[in-house]
Amino acid sequence: MNVIYFYLVKQKQYKSLRLDFYKHSMSEEKKDTKKCGGKRKAMFAYGVIHLGSTVVSAIALAAIAFGFHSVKKEAKNFNECVEEMKATGSYPADSVRFCNGG
């Protein structure tokens, strides 16, 4: 392409070639921006979906943490029960069986 351009420069016909080249490059830029629109929408959708899944994950982790709170409370009550039963003089195995409800 450069060889043709330099030949036309010597022949003083390069002005029309520049104009054609400019028109051609502008039409390519317009085509590229149209193609970019679909990618932009896809990336926006990906961002929204990613953000939404992050929020759902955070809520799920909070629910699990609140679930562990009740388990902790149950374990504390069980340990207190076992300690009370051991204080009365029963064997540890009997204390555990009593506190389990058996």
PDB file of N, CA and C in Angstrom:
ATOM      1  N   MET A   1       0.829  -1.186   0.000  1.00  0.00           N
ATOM      2  CA  MET A   1       0.000   0.000   0.000  1.00  0.00           C
ATOM      3  C   MET A   1       0.878   1.256   0.000  1.00  0.00           C
ATOM      4  N   ASN A   2       1.975   1.218   0.749  1.00  0.00           N
ATOM      5  CA  ASN A   2       2.859   2.383   0.804  1.00  0.00           C
ATOM      6  C   ASN A   2       3.483   2.680  -0.555  1.00  0.00           C
ATOM      7  N   VAL A   3       3.793   1.658  -1.320  1.00  0.00           N
ATOM      8  CA  VAL A   3       4.403   1.853  -2.640  1.00  0.00           C
ATOM      9  C   VAL A   3       3.431   2.593  -3.547  1.00  0.00           C
ATOM     10  N   ILE A   4       2.175   2.198  -3.507  1.00  0.00           N
ATOM     11  CA  ILE A   4       1.167   2.869  -4.339  1.00  0.00           C
ATOM     12  C   ILE A   4       1.009   4.325  -3.908  1.00  0.00           C
ATOM     13  N   TYR A   5       1.002   4.541  -2.627  1.00  0.00           N
ATOM     14  CA  TYR A   5       0.841   5.896  -2.114  1.00  0.00           C
ATOM     15  C   TYR A   5       1.996   6.784  -2.576  1.00  0.00           C
ATOM     16  N   PHE A   6       3.213   6.292  -2.448  1.00  0.00           N
ATOM     17  CA  PHE A   6       4.367   7.097  -2.873  1.00  0.00           C
ATOM     18  C   PHE A   6       4.367   7.344  -4.385  1.00  0.00           C
ATOM     19  N   TYR A   7       3.914   6.388  -5.143  1.00  0.00           N
ATOM     20  CA  TYR A   7       3.804   6.591  -6.577  1.00  0.00           C
ATOM     21  C   TYR A   7       2.799   7.698  -6.895  1.00  0.00           C
ATOM     22  N   LEU A   8       1.670   7.689  -6.190  1.00  0.00           N
ATOM     23  CA  LEU A   8       0.647   8.712  -6.428  1.00  0.00           C
ATOM     24  C   LEU A   8       1.098  10.083  -5.934  1.00  0.00           C
ATOM     25  N   VAL A   9       1.928  10.089  -4.921  1.00  0.00           N
ATOM     26  CA  VAL A   9       2.462  11.370  -4.437  1.00  0.00           C
ATOM     27  C   VAL A   9       3.305  12.007  -5.531  1.00  0.00           C
ATOM     28  N   LYS A  10       4.095  11.204  -6.196  1.00  0.00           N
ATOM     29  CA  LYS A  10       4.912  11.732  -7.292  1.00  0.00           C
ATOM     30  C   LYS A  10       4.033  12.211  -8.436  1.00  0.00           C
ATOM     31  N   GLN A  11       2.907  11.582  -8.631  1.00  0.00           N
ATOM     32  CA  GLN A  11       2.015  11.963  -9.729  1.00  0.00           C
ATOM     33  C   GLN A  11       1.036  13.071  -9.334  1.00  0.00           C
ATOM     34  N   LYS A  12       1.086  13.563  -8.061  1.00  0.00           N
ATOM     35  CA  LYS A  12       0.243  14.630  -7.532  1.00  0.00           C
ATOM     36  C   LYS A  12      -1.236  14.220  -7.460  1.00  0.00           C
ATOM     37  N   GLN A  13      -1.497  12.942  -7.261  1.00  0.00           N
ATOM     38  CA  GLN A  13      -2.866  12.477  -7.147  1.00  0.00           C
ATOM     39  C   GLN A  13      -3.145  11.950  -5.730  1.00  0.00           C
ATOM     40  N   TYR A  14      -2.365  12.338  -4.785  1.00  0.00           N
ATOM     41  CA  TYR A  14      -2.484  11.785  -3.445  1.00  0.00           C
ATOM     42  C   TYR A  14      -3.641  12.378  -2.654  1.00  0.00           C
ATOM     43  N   LYS A  15      -4.145  13.577  -3.079  1.00  0.00           N
ATOM     44  CA  LYS A  15      -5.215  14.193  -2.297  1.00  0.00           C
ATOM     45  C   LYS A  15      -6.481  13.337  -2.332  1.00  0.00           C
ATOM     46  N   SER A  16      -6.848  12.834  -3.470  1.00  0.00           N
ATOM     47  CA  SER A  16      -8.042  12.004  -3.540  1.00  0.00           C
ATOM     48  C   SER A  16      -7.826  10.682  -2.811  1.00  0.00           C
ATOM     49  N   LEU A  17      -6.596  10.183  -2.843  1.00  0.00           N
ATOM     50  CA  LEU A  17      -6.297   8.952  -2.134  1.00  0.00           C
ATOM     51  C   LEU A  17      -6.443   9.153  -0.627  1.00  0.00           C
ATOM     52  N   ARG A  18      -5.989  10.295  -0.120  1.00  0.00           N
ATOM     53  CA  ARG A  18      -6.130  10.592   1.300  1.00  0.00           C
ATOM     54  C   ARG A  18      -7.593  10.648   1.687  1.00  0.00           C
ATOM     55  N   LEU A  19      -8.389  11.291   0.870  1.00  0.00           N
ATOM     56  CA  LEU A  19      -9.805  11.416   1.164  1.00  0.00           C
ATOM     57  C   LEU A  19     -10.472  10.041   1.188  1.00  0.00           C
ATOM     58  N   ASP A  20     -10.140   9.194   0.229  1.00  0.00           N
ATOM     59  CA  ASP A  20     -10.695   7.846   0.209  1.00  0.00           C
ATOM     60  C   ASP A  20     -10.247   7.039   1.426  1.00  0.00           C
ATOM     61  N   PHE A  21      -8.976   7.183   1.772  1.00  0.00           N
ATOM     62  CA  PHE A  21      -8.455   6.473   2.932  1.00  0.00           C
ATOM     63  C   PHE A  21      -9.166   6.945   4.202  1.00  0.00           C
ATOM     64  N   TYR A  22      -9.389   8.250   4.311  1.00  0.00           N
ATOM     65  CA  TYR A  22     -10.067   8.812   5.472  1.00  0.00           C
ATOM     66  C   TYR A  22     -11.500   8.295   5.559  1.00  0.00           C
ATOM     67  N   LYS A  23     -12.206   8.291   4.425  1.00  0.00           N
ATOM     68  CA  LYS A  23     -13.582   7.789   4.420  1.00  0.00           C
ATOM     69  C   LYS A  23     -13.621   6.314   4.802  1.00  0.00           C
ATOM     70  N   HIS A  24     -12.675   5.563   4.268  1.00  0.00           N
ATOM     71  CA  HIS A  24     -12.625   4.135   4.568  1.00  0.00           C
ATOM     72  C   HIS A  24     -12.356   3.896   6.059  1.00  0.00           C
ATOM     73  N   SER A  25     -11.426   4.637   6.634  1.00  0.00           N
ATOM     74  CA  SER A  25     -11.107   4.438   8.046  1.00  0.00           C
ATOM     75  C   SER A  25     -12.260   4.882   8.932  1.00  0.00           C
ATOM     76  N   MET A  26     -12.992   5.930   8.545  1.00  0.00           N
ATOM     77  CA  MET A  26     -14.136   6.379   9.337  1.00  0.00           C
ATOM     78  C   MET A  26     -15.258   5.339   9.307  1.00  0.00           C
ATOM     79  N   SER A  27     -15.466   4.728   8.163  1.00  0.00           N
ATOM     80  CA  SER A  27     -16.524   3.718   8.085  1.00  0.00           C
ATOM     81  C   SER A  27     -16.170   2.496   8.932  1.00  0.00           C
ATOM     82  N   GLU A  28     -14.876   2.158   9.034  1.00  0.00           N
ATOM     83  CA  GLU A  28     -14.460   1.049   9.888  1.00  0.00           C
ATOM     84  C   GLU A  28     -14.677   1.381  11.356  1.00  0.00           C
ATOM     85  N   GLU A  29     -14.411   2.630  11.745  1.00  0.00           N
ATOM     86  CA  GLU A  29     -14.622   3.023  13.132  1.00  0.00           C
ATOM     87  C   GLU A  29     -16.093   2.943  13.497  1.00  0.00           C
ATOM     88  N   LYS A  30     -16.957   3.354  12.580  1.00  0.00           N
ATOM     89  CA  LYS A  30     -18.380   3.275  12.856  1.00  0.00           C
ATOM     90  C   LYS A  30     -18.815   1.825  13.005  1.00  0.00           C
ATOM     91  N   LYS A  31     -18.282   0.946  12.207  1.00  0.00           N
ATOM     92  CA  LYS A  31     -18.618  -0.470  12.317  1.00  0.00           C
ATOM     93  C   LYS A  31     -18.137  -1.024  13.654  1.00  0.00           C
ATOM     94  N   ASP A  32     -16.977  -0.601  14.099  1.00  0.00           N
ATOM     95  CA  ASP A  32     -16.446  -1.096  15.355  1.00  0.00           C
ATOM     96  C   ASP A  32     -17.311  -0.656  16.535  1.00  0.00           C
ATOM     97  N   THR A  33     -17.805   0.575  16.490  1.00  0.00           N
ATOM     98  CA  THR A  33     -18.626   1.029  17.613  1.00  0.00           C
ATOM     99  C   THR A  33     -19.947   0.287  17.654  1.00  0.00           C
ATOM    100  N   LYS A  34     -20.471  -0.102  16.517  1.00  0.00           N
ATOM    101  CA  LYS A  34     -21.700  -0.876  16.522  1.00  0.00           C
ATOM    102  C   LYS A  34     -21.454  -2.261  17.115  1.00  0.00           C
ATOM    103  N   LYS A  35     -20.321  -2.854  16.812  1.00  0.00           N
ATOM    104  CA  LYS A  35     -19.995  -4.164  17.357  1.00  0.00           C
ATOM    105  C   LYS A  35     -19.749  -4.089  18.859  1.00  0.00           C
ATOM    106  N   CYS A  36     -19.251  -2.978  19.324  1.00  0.00           N
ATOM    107  CA  CYS A  36     -18.916  -2.816  20.730  1.00  0.00           C
ATOM    108  C   CYS A  36     -20.177  -2.754  21.590  1.00  0.00           C
ATOM    109  N   GLY A  37     -21.296  -2.322  21.011  1.00  0.00           N
ATOM    110  CA  GLY A  37     -22.525  -2.192  21.780  1.00  0.00           C
ATOM    111  C   GLY A  37     -22.974  -3.501  22.393  1.00  0.00           C
ATOM    112  N   GLY A  38     -22.897  -4.583  21.657  1.00  0.00           N
ATOM    113  CA  GLY A  38     -23.280  -5.888  22.182  1.00  0.00           C
ATOM    114  C   GLY A  38     -22.357  -6.349  23.290  1.00  0.00           C
ATOM    115  N   LYS A  39     -21.079  -6.102  23.130  1.00  0.00           N
ATOM    116  CA  LYS A  39     -20.115  -6.488  24.163  1.00  0.00           C
ATOM    117  C   LYS A  39     -20.340  -5.660  25.424  1.00  0.00           C
ATOM    118  N   ARG A  40     -20.675  -4.410  25.222  1.00  0.00           N
ATOM    119  CA  ARG A  40     -20.885  -3.533  26.380  1.00  0.00           C
ATOM    120  C   ARG A  40     -22.084  -4.014  27.190  1.00  0.00           C
ATOM    121  N   LYS A  41     -23.156  -4.381  26.493  1.00  0.00           N
ATOM    122  CA  LYS A  41     -24.337  -4.879  27.188  1.00  0.00           C
ATOM    123  C   LYS A  41     -24.040  -6.188  27.901  1.00  0.00           C
ATOM    124  N   ALA A  42     -23.272  -7.034  27.260  1.00  0.00           N
ATOM    125  CA  ALA A  42     -22.922  -8.313  27.875  1.00  0.00           C
ATOM    126  C   ALA A  42     -22.072  -8.097  29.121  1.00  0.00           C
ATOM    127  N   MET A  43     -21.111  -7.198  29.045  1.00  0.00           N
ATOM    128  CA  MET A  43     -20.266  -6.935  30.208  1.00  0.00           C
ATOM    129  C   MET A  43     -21.067  -6.293  31.337  1.00  0.00           C
ATOM    130  N   PHE A  44     -22.015  -5.433  30.998  1.00  0.00           N
ATOM    131  CA  PHE A  44     -22.879  -4.821  32.016  1.00  0.00           C
ATOM    132  C   PHE A  44     -23.725  -5.899  32.685  1.00  0.00           C
ATOM    133  N   ALA A  45     -24.288  -6.795  31.879  1.00  0.00           N
ATOM    134  CA  ALA A  45     -25.088  -7.893  32.437  1.00  0.00           C
ATOM    135  C   ALA A  45     -24.228  -8.773  33.331  1.00  0.00           C
ATOM    136  N   TYR A  46     -22.999  -9.055  32.908  1.00  0.00           N
ATOM    137  CA  TYR A  46     -22.095  -9.856  33.724  1.00  0.00           C
ATOM    138  C   TYR A  46     -21.834  -9.166  35.070  1.00  0.00           C
ATOM    139  N   GLY A  47     -21.605  -7.854  35.037  1.00  0.00           N
ATOM    140  CA  GLY A  47     -21.354  -7.121  36.272  1.00  0.00           C
ATOM    141  C   GLY A  47     -22.533  -7.170  37.222  1.00  0.00           C
ATOM    142  N   VAL A  48     -23.732  -7.008  36.678  1.00  0.00           N
ATOM    143  CA  VAL A  48     -24.934  -7.045  37.513  1.00  0.00           C
ATOM    144  C   VAL A  48     -25.128  -8.439  38.103  1.00  0.00           C
ATOM    145  N   ILE A  49     -24.947  -9.460  37.287  1.00  0.00           N
ATOM    146  CA  ILE A  49     -25.098 -10.835  37.777  1.00  0.00           C
ATOM    147  C   ILE A  49     -24.052 -11.147  38.834  1.00  0.00           C
ATOM    148  N   HIS A  50     -22.825 -10.703  38.610  1.00  0.00           N
ATOM    149  CA  HIS A  50     -21.748 -10.944  39.588  1.00  0.00           C
ATOM    150  C   HIS A  50     -22.046 -10.240  40.907  1.00  0.00           C
ATOM    151  N   LEU A  51     -22.498  -9.010  40.831  1.00  0.00           N
ATOM    152  CA  LEU A  51     -22.840  -8.264  42.044  1.00  0.00           C
ATOM    153  C   LEU A  51     -23.995  -8.937  42.769  1.00  0.00           C
ATOM    154  N   GLY A  52     -24.992  -9.362  42.022  1.00  0.00           N
ATOM    155  CA  GLY A  52     -26.139 -10.042  42.637  1.00  0.00           C
ATOM    156  C   GLY A  52     -25.744 -11.329  43.328  1.00  0.00           C
ATOM    157  N   SER A  53     -24.876 -12.103  42.694  1.00  0.00           N
ATOM    158  CA  SER A  53     -24.452 -13.362  43.313  1.00  0.00           C
ATOM    159  C   SER A  53     -23.607 -13.102  44.560  1.00  0.00           C
ATOM    160  N   THR A  54     -22.854 -12.024  44.561  1.00  0.00           N
ATOM    161  CA  THR A  54     -22.074 -11.667  45.754  1.00  0.00           C
ATOM    162  C   THR A  54     -22.992 -11.317  46.914  1.00  0.00           C
ATOM    163  N   VAL A  55     -24.050 -10.586  46.622  1.00  0.00           N
ATOM    164  CA  VAL A  55     -25.012 -10.219  47.675  1.00  0.00           C
ATOM    165  C   VAL A  55     -25.704 -11.465  48.214  1.00  0.00           C
ATOM    166  N   VAL A  56     -26.110 -12.360  47.331  1.00  0.00           N
ATOM    167  CA  VAL A  56     -26.759 -13.604  47.767  1.00  0.00           C
ATOM    168  C   VAL A  56     -25.806 -14.421  48.636  1.00  0.00           C
ATOM    169  N   SER A  57     -24.538 -14.482  48.262  1.00  0.00           N
ATOM    170  CA  SER A  57     -23.551 -15.218  49.059  1.00  0.00           C
ATOM    171  C   SER A  57     -23.389 -14.598  50.440  1.00  0.00           C
ATOM    172  N   ALA A  58     -23.364 -13.276  50.504  1.00  0.00           N
ATOM    173  CA  ALA A  58     -23.220 -12.602  51.798  1.00  0.00           C
ATOM    174  C   ALA A  58     -24.422 -12.879  52.695  1.00  0.00           C
ATOM    175  N   ILE A  59     -25.612 -12.861  52.120  1.00  0.00           N
ATOM    176  CA  ILE A  59     -26.817 -13.147  52.908  1.00  0.00           C
ATOM    177  C   ILE A  59     -26.804 -14.586  53.399  1.00  0.00           C
ATOM    178  N   ALA A  60     -26.378 -15.517  52.545  1.00  0.00           N
ATOM    179  CA  ALA A  60     -26.309 -16.921  52.944  1.00  0.00           C
ATOM    180  C   ALA A  60     -25.303 -17.122  54.075  1.00  0.00           C
ATOM    181  N   LEU A  61     -24.164 -16.457  53.994  1.00  0.00           N
ATOM    182  CA  LEU A  61     -23.172 -16.581  55.071  1.00  0.00           C
ATOM    183  C   LEU A  61     -23.690 -15.999  56.382  1.00  0.00           C
ATOM    184  N   ALA A  62     -24.441 -14.904  56.302  1.00  0.00           N
ATOM    185  CA  ALA A  62     -25.027 -14.319  57.514  1.00  0.00           C
ATOM    186  C   ALA A  62     -26.040 -15.279  58.127  1.00  0.00           C
ATOM    187  N   ALA A  63     -26.850 -15.939  57.295  1.00  0.00           N
ATOM    188  CA  ALA A  63     -27.825 -16.901  57.801  1.00  0.00           C
ATOM    189  C   ALA A  63     -27.125 -18.074  58.481  1.00  0.00           C
ATOM    190  N   ILE A  64     -26.030 -18.536  57.912  1.00  0.00           N
ATOM    191  CA  ILE A  64     -25.269 -19.632  58.522  1.00  0.00           C
ATOM    192  C   ILE A  64     -24.692 -19.197  59.863  1.00  0.00           C
ATOM    193  N   ALA A  65     -24.193 -17.961  59.926  1.00  0.00           N
ATOM    194  CA  ALA A  65     -23.621 -17.455  61.181  1.00  0.00           C
ATOM    195  C   ALA A  65     -24.686 -17.377  62.269  1.00  0.00           C
ATOM    196  N   PHE A  66     -25.889 -16.917  61.914  1.00  0.00           N
ATOM    197  CA  PHE A  66     -26.959 -16.868  62.918  1.00  0.00           C
ATOM    198  C   PHE A  66     -27.381 -18.276  63.332  1.00  0.00           C
ATOM    199  N   GLY A  67     -27.287 -19.232  62.427  1.00  0.00           N
ATOM    200  CA  GLY A  67     -27.578 -20.630  62.769  1.00  0.00           C
ATOM    201  C   GLY A  67     -26.579 -21.186  63.768  1.00  0.00           C
ATOM    202  N   PHE A  68     -25.323 -20.807  63.643  1.00  0.00           N
ATOM    203  CA  PHE A  68     -24.314 -21.267  64.594  1.00  0.00           C
ATOM    204  C   PHE A  68     -24.531 -20.685  65.981  1.00  0.00           C
ATOM    205  N   HIS A  69     -25.171 -19.532  66.060  1.00  0.00           N
ATOM    206  CA  HIS A  69     -25.429 -18.922  67.362  1.00  0.00           C
ATOM    207  C   HIS A  69     -26.321 -19.838  68.200  1.00  0.00           C
ATOM    208  N   SER A  70     -27.349 -20.424  67.597  1.00  0.00           N
ATOM    209  CA  SER A  70     -28.231 -21.312  68.351  1.00  0.00           C
ATOM    210  C   SER A  70     -27.501 -22.596  68.752  1.00  0.00           C
ATOM    211  N   VAL A  71     -26.612 -23.094  67.896  1.00  0.00           N
ATOM    212  CA  VAL A  71     -25.830 -24.287  68.231  1.00  0.00           C
ATOM    213  C   VAL A  71     -24.913 -23.987  69.416  1.00  0.00           C
ATOM    214  N   LYS A  72     -24.324 -22.803  69.413  1.00  0.00           N
ATOM    215  CA  LYS A  72     -23.444 -22.410  70.514  1.00  0.00           C
ATOM    216  C   LYS A  72     -24.222 -22.339  71.829  1.00  0.00           C
ATOM    217  N   LYS A  73     -25.434 -21.799  71.759  1.00  0.00           N
ATOM    218  CA  LYS A  73     -26.262 -21.684  72.959  1.00  0.00           C
ATOM    219  C   LYS A  73     -26.645 -23.069  73.489  1.00  0.00           C
ATOM    220  N   GLU A  74     -26.987 -23.986  72.581  1.00  0.00           N
ATOM    221  CA  GLU A  74     -27.317 -25.351  72.979  1.00  0.00           C
ATOM    222  C   GLU A  74     -26.127 -26.047  73.630  1.00  0.00           C
ATOM    223  N   ALA A  75     -24.936 -25.869  73.041  1.00  0.00           N
ATOM    224  CA  ALA A  75     -23.728 -26.496  73.591  1.00  0.00           C
ATOM    225  C   ALA A  75     -23.420 -25.953  74.977  1.00  0.00           C
ATOM    226  N   LYS A  76     -23.637 -24.671  75.169  1.00  0.00           N
ATOM    227  CA  LYS A  76     -23.381 -24.066  76.486  1.00  0.00           C
ATOM    228  C   LYS A  76     -24.334 -24.654  77.525  1.00  0.00           C
ATOM    229  N   ASN A  77     -25.617 -24.766  77.163  1.00  0.00           N
ATOM    230  CA  ASN A  77     -26.591 -25.344  78.101  1.00  0.00           C
ATOM    231  C   ASN A  77     -26.257 -26.809  78.403  1.00  0.00           C
ATOM    232  N   PHE A  78     -25.823 -27.563  77.390  1.00  0.00           N
ATOM    233  CA  PHE A  78     -25.451 -28.964  77.589  1.00  0.00           C
ATOM    234  C   PHE A  78     -24.269 -29.072  78.540  1.00  0.00           C
ATOM    235  N   ASN A  79     -23.261 -28.237  78.332  1.00  0.00           N
ATOM    236  CA  ASN A  79     -22.076 -28.284  79.215  1.00  0.00           C
ATOM    237  C   ASN A  79     -22.445 -27.926  80.647  1.00  0.00           C
ATOM    238  N   GLU A  80     -23.326 -26.962  80.838  1.00  0.00           N
ATOM    239  CA  GLU A  80     -23.764 -26.591  82.187  1.00  0.00           C
ATOM    240  C   GLU A  80     -24.501 -27.760  82.847  1.00  0.00           C
ATOM    241  N   CYS A  81     -25.333 -28.442  82.058  1.00  0.00           N
ATOM    242  CA  CYS A  81     -26.067 -29.593  82.578  1.00  0.00           C
ATOM    243  C   CYS A  81     -25.107 -30.697  83.016  1.00  0.00           C
ATOM    244  N   VAL A  82     -24.111 -30.992  82.191  1.00  0.00           N
ATOM    245  CA  VAL A  82     -23.141 -32.030  82.527  1.00  0.00           C
ATOM    246  C   VAL A  82     -22.374 -31.655  83.788  1.00  0.00           C
ATOM    247  N   GLU A  83     -21.977 -30.396  83.892  1.00  0.00           N
ATOM    248  CA  GLU A  83     -21.238 -29.955  85.090  1.00  0.00           C
ATOM    249  C   GLU A  83     -22.103 -30.066  86.338  1.00  0.00           C
ATOM    250  N   GLU A  84     -23.388 -29.732  86.252  1.00  0.00           N
ATOM    251  CA  GLU A  84     -24.283 -29.855  87.414  1.00  0.00           C
ATOM    252  C   GLU A  84     -24.435 -31.310  87.838  1.00  0.00           C
ATOM    253  N   MET A  85     -24.567 -32.191  86.846  1.00  0.00           N
ATOM    254  CA  MET A  85     -24.731 -33.607  87.158  1.00  0.00           C
ATOM    255  C   MET A  85     -23.452 -34.179  87.764  1.00  0.00           C
ATOM    256  N   LYS A  86     -22.277 -33.751  87.259  1.00  0.00           N
ATOM    257  CA  LYS A  86     -21.019 -34.227  87.843  1.00  0.00           C
ATOM    258  C   LYS A  86     -20.850 -33.704  89.257  1.00  0.00           C
ATOM    259  N   ALA A  87     -21.382 -32.497  89.524  1.00  0.00           N
ATOM    260  CA  ALA A  87     -21.272 -31.924  90.864  1.00  0.00           C
ATOM    261  C   ALA A  87     -22.118 -32.708  91.867  1.00  0.00           C
ATOM    262  N   THR A  88     -23.170 -33.345  91.418  1.00  0.00           N
ATOM    263  CA  THR A  88     -24.005 -34.146  92.325  1.00  0.00           C
ATOM    264  C   THR A  88     -23.380 -35.493  92.643  1.00  0.00           C
ATOM    265  N   GLY A  89     -22.299 -35.853  91.942  1.00  0.00           N
ATOM    266  CA  GLY A  89     -21.574 -37.076  92.255  1.00  0.00           C
ATOM    267  C   GLY A  89     -21.797 -38.195  91.262  1.00  0.00           C
ATOM    268  N   SER A  90     -22.492 -37.979  90.179  1.00  0.00           N
ATOM    269  CA  SER A  90     -22.693 -39.061  89.202  1.00  0.00           C
ATOM    270  C   SER A  90     -21.493 -39.154  88.265  1.00  0.00           C
ATOM    271  N   TYR A  91     -21.361 -40.302  87.613  1.00  0.00           N
ATOM    272  CA  TYR A  91     -20.267 -40.510  86.676  1.00  0.00           C
ATOM    273  C   TYR A  91     -20.456 -39.621  85.441  1.00  0.00           C
ATOM    274  N   PRO A  92     -19.347 -39.257  84.760  1.00  0.00           N
ATOM    275  CA  PRO A  92     -19.471 -38.401  83.565  1.00  0.00           C
ATOM    276  C   PRO A  92     -20.332 -39.030  82.461  1.00  0.00           C
ATOM    277  N   ALA A  93     -20.222 -40.348  82.279  1.00  0.00           N
ATOM    278  CA  ALA A  93     -21.032 -40.998  81.243  1.00  0.00           C
ATOM    279  C   ALA A  93     -22.518 -40.903  81.591  1.00  0.00           C
ATOM    280  N   ASP A  94     -22.859 -41.081  82.854  1.00  0.00           N
ATOM    281  CA  ASP A  94     -24.249 -40.976  83.283  1.00  0.00           C
ATOM    282  C   ASP A  94     -24.745 -39.537  83.136  1.00  0.00           C
ATOM    283  N   SER A  95     -23.841 -38.574  83.393  1.00  0.00           N
ATOM    284  CA  SER A  95     -24.216 -37.147  83.258  1.00  0.00           C
ATOM    285  C   SER A  95     -24.547 -36.817  81.813  1.00  0.00           C
ATOM    286  N   VAL A  96     -23.723 -37.323  80.904  1.00  0.00           N
ATOM    287  CA  VAL A  96     -23.946 -37.049  79.476  1.00  0.00           C
ATOM    288  C   VAL A  96     -25.235 -37.709  79.025  1.00  0.00           C
ATOM    289  N   ARG A  97     -25.481 -38.963  79.463  1.00  0.00           N
ATOM    290  CA  ARG A  97     -26.682 -39.656  79.072  1.00  0.00           C
ATOM    291  C   ARG A  97     -27.924 -38.930  79.599  1.00  0.00           C
ATOM    292  N   PHE A  98     -27.860 -38.424  80.826  1.00  0.00           N
ATOM    293  CA  PHE A  98     -28.988 -37.706  81.405  1.00  0.00           C
ATOM    294  C   PHE A  98     -29.260 -36.416  80.644  1.00  0.00           C
ATOM    295  N   CYS A  99     -28.191 -35.677  80.322  1.00  0.00           N
ATOM    296  CA  CYS A  99     -28.358 -34.380  79.635  1.00  0.00           C
ATOM    297  C   CYS A  99     -28.804 -34.559  78.171  1.00  0.00           C
ATOM    298  N   ASN A 100     -28.507 -35.721  77.573  1.00  0.00           N
ATOM    299  CA  ASN A 100     -28.976 -36.017  76.228  1.00  0.00           C
ATOM    300  C   ASN A 100     -30.450 -36.395  76.201  1.00  0.00           C
ATOM    301  N   GLY A 101     -31.001 -36.648  77.369  1.00  0.00           N
ATOM    302  CA  GLY A 101     -32.409 -37.013  77.442  1.00  0.00           C
ATOM    303  C   GLY A 101     -32.624 -38.511  77.549  1.00  0.00           C
ATOM    304  N   GLY A 102     -31.581 -39.256  77.834  1.00  0.00           N
ATOM    305  CA  GLY A 102     -31.713 -40.708  77.866  1.00  0.00           C
ATOM    306  C   GLY A 102     -31.676 -41.329  79.187  1.00  0.00           C
TER     307      GLY A 102
END
